[in-house]
C-alpha cells in the first residue's frame, strides 16, 4: 500500500476512533509476541 493511502487511512482512523474499532486492532495487538509464538510452533512441526 502506498504511503499516501496509509496516511489517509490513519488520519481517518484518528478522526473517527469510535466508528472503526476493529480497524484499530493492529494498534492493540502485540505482534512481536504473536510472531514469536507462530515461529515456535512452526519449528515444532518441522
Protein backbone atom coordinates (compact mmCIF):
# COMPACT_ATOMS: atom_id res chain seq x y z
CA UNK A 1 0.00 0.00 0.00
CA UNK A 2 1.39 3.38 -0.86
CA UNK A 3 2.25 5.74 1.94
CA UNK A 4 -0.36 8.24 0.71
CA UNK A 5 -3.22 5.80 1.22
CA UNK A 6 -1.76 4.57 4.50
CA UNK A 7 -1.51 8.08 5.92
CA UNK A 8 -5.00 8.92 4.67
CA UNK A 9 -6.39 5.82 6.36
CA UNK A 10 -4.51 6.62 9.58
CA UNK A 11 -5.91 10.16 9.53
CA UNK A 12 -9.46 8.86 9.14
CA UNK A 13 -8.98 6.32 11.93
CA UNK A 14 -7.64 9.01 14.24
CA UNK A 15 -10.51 11.37 13.43
CA UNK A 16 -13.29 8.82 13.85
CA UNK A 17 -12.00 6.47 16.52
CA UNK A 18 -15.48 5.37 17.58
CA UNK A 19 -16.54 4.38 14.04
CA UNK A 20 -13.78 1.90 13.21
CA UNK A 21 -12.92 -0.07 16.34
CA UNK A 22 -11.95 -3.27 14.51
CA UNK A 23 -9.59 -1.50 12.15
CA UNK A 24 -7.55 -0.31 15.11
CA UNK A 25 -6.81 -3.89 16.19
CA UNK A 26 -3.32 -3.68 14.72
CA UNK A 27 -2.54 -0.97 17.23
CA UNK A 28 -3.91 -3.03 20.12
CA UNK A 29 -2.16 -6.33 19.46
CA UNK A 30 1.39 -7.13 20.41
CA UNK A 31 2.52 -8.50 17.05
CA UNK A 32 6.01 -9.48 18.24
CA UNK A 33 4.59 -11.93 20.76
CA UNK A 34 2.31 -13.40 18.10
CA UNK A 35 5.19 -13.76 15.63
CA UNK A 36 7.35 -15.47 18.24
CA UNK A 37 4.57 -17.89 19.14
CA UNK A 38 3.97 -18.76 15.48
CA UNK A 39 7.68 -19.19 14.87
CA UNK A 40 7.94 -21.57 17.84
CA UNK A 41 5.02 -23.66 16.57
CA UNK A 42 6.50 -23.72 13.07
CA UNK A 43 9.75 -25.13 14.45
CA UNK A 44 7.86 -27.77 16.41
CA UNK A 45 6.02 -29.00 13.31
CA UNK A 46 9.07 -29.13 11.07
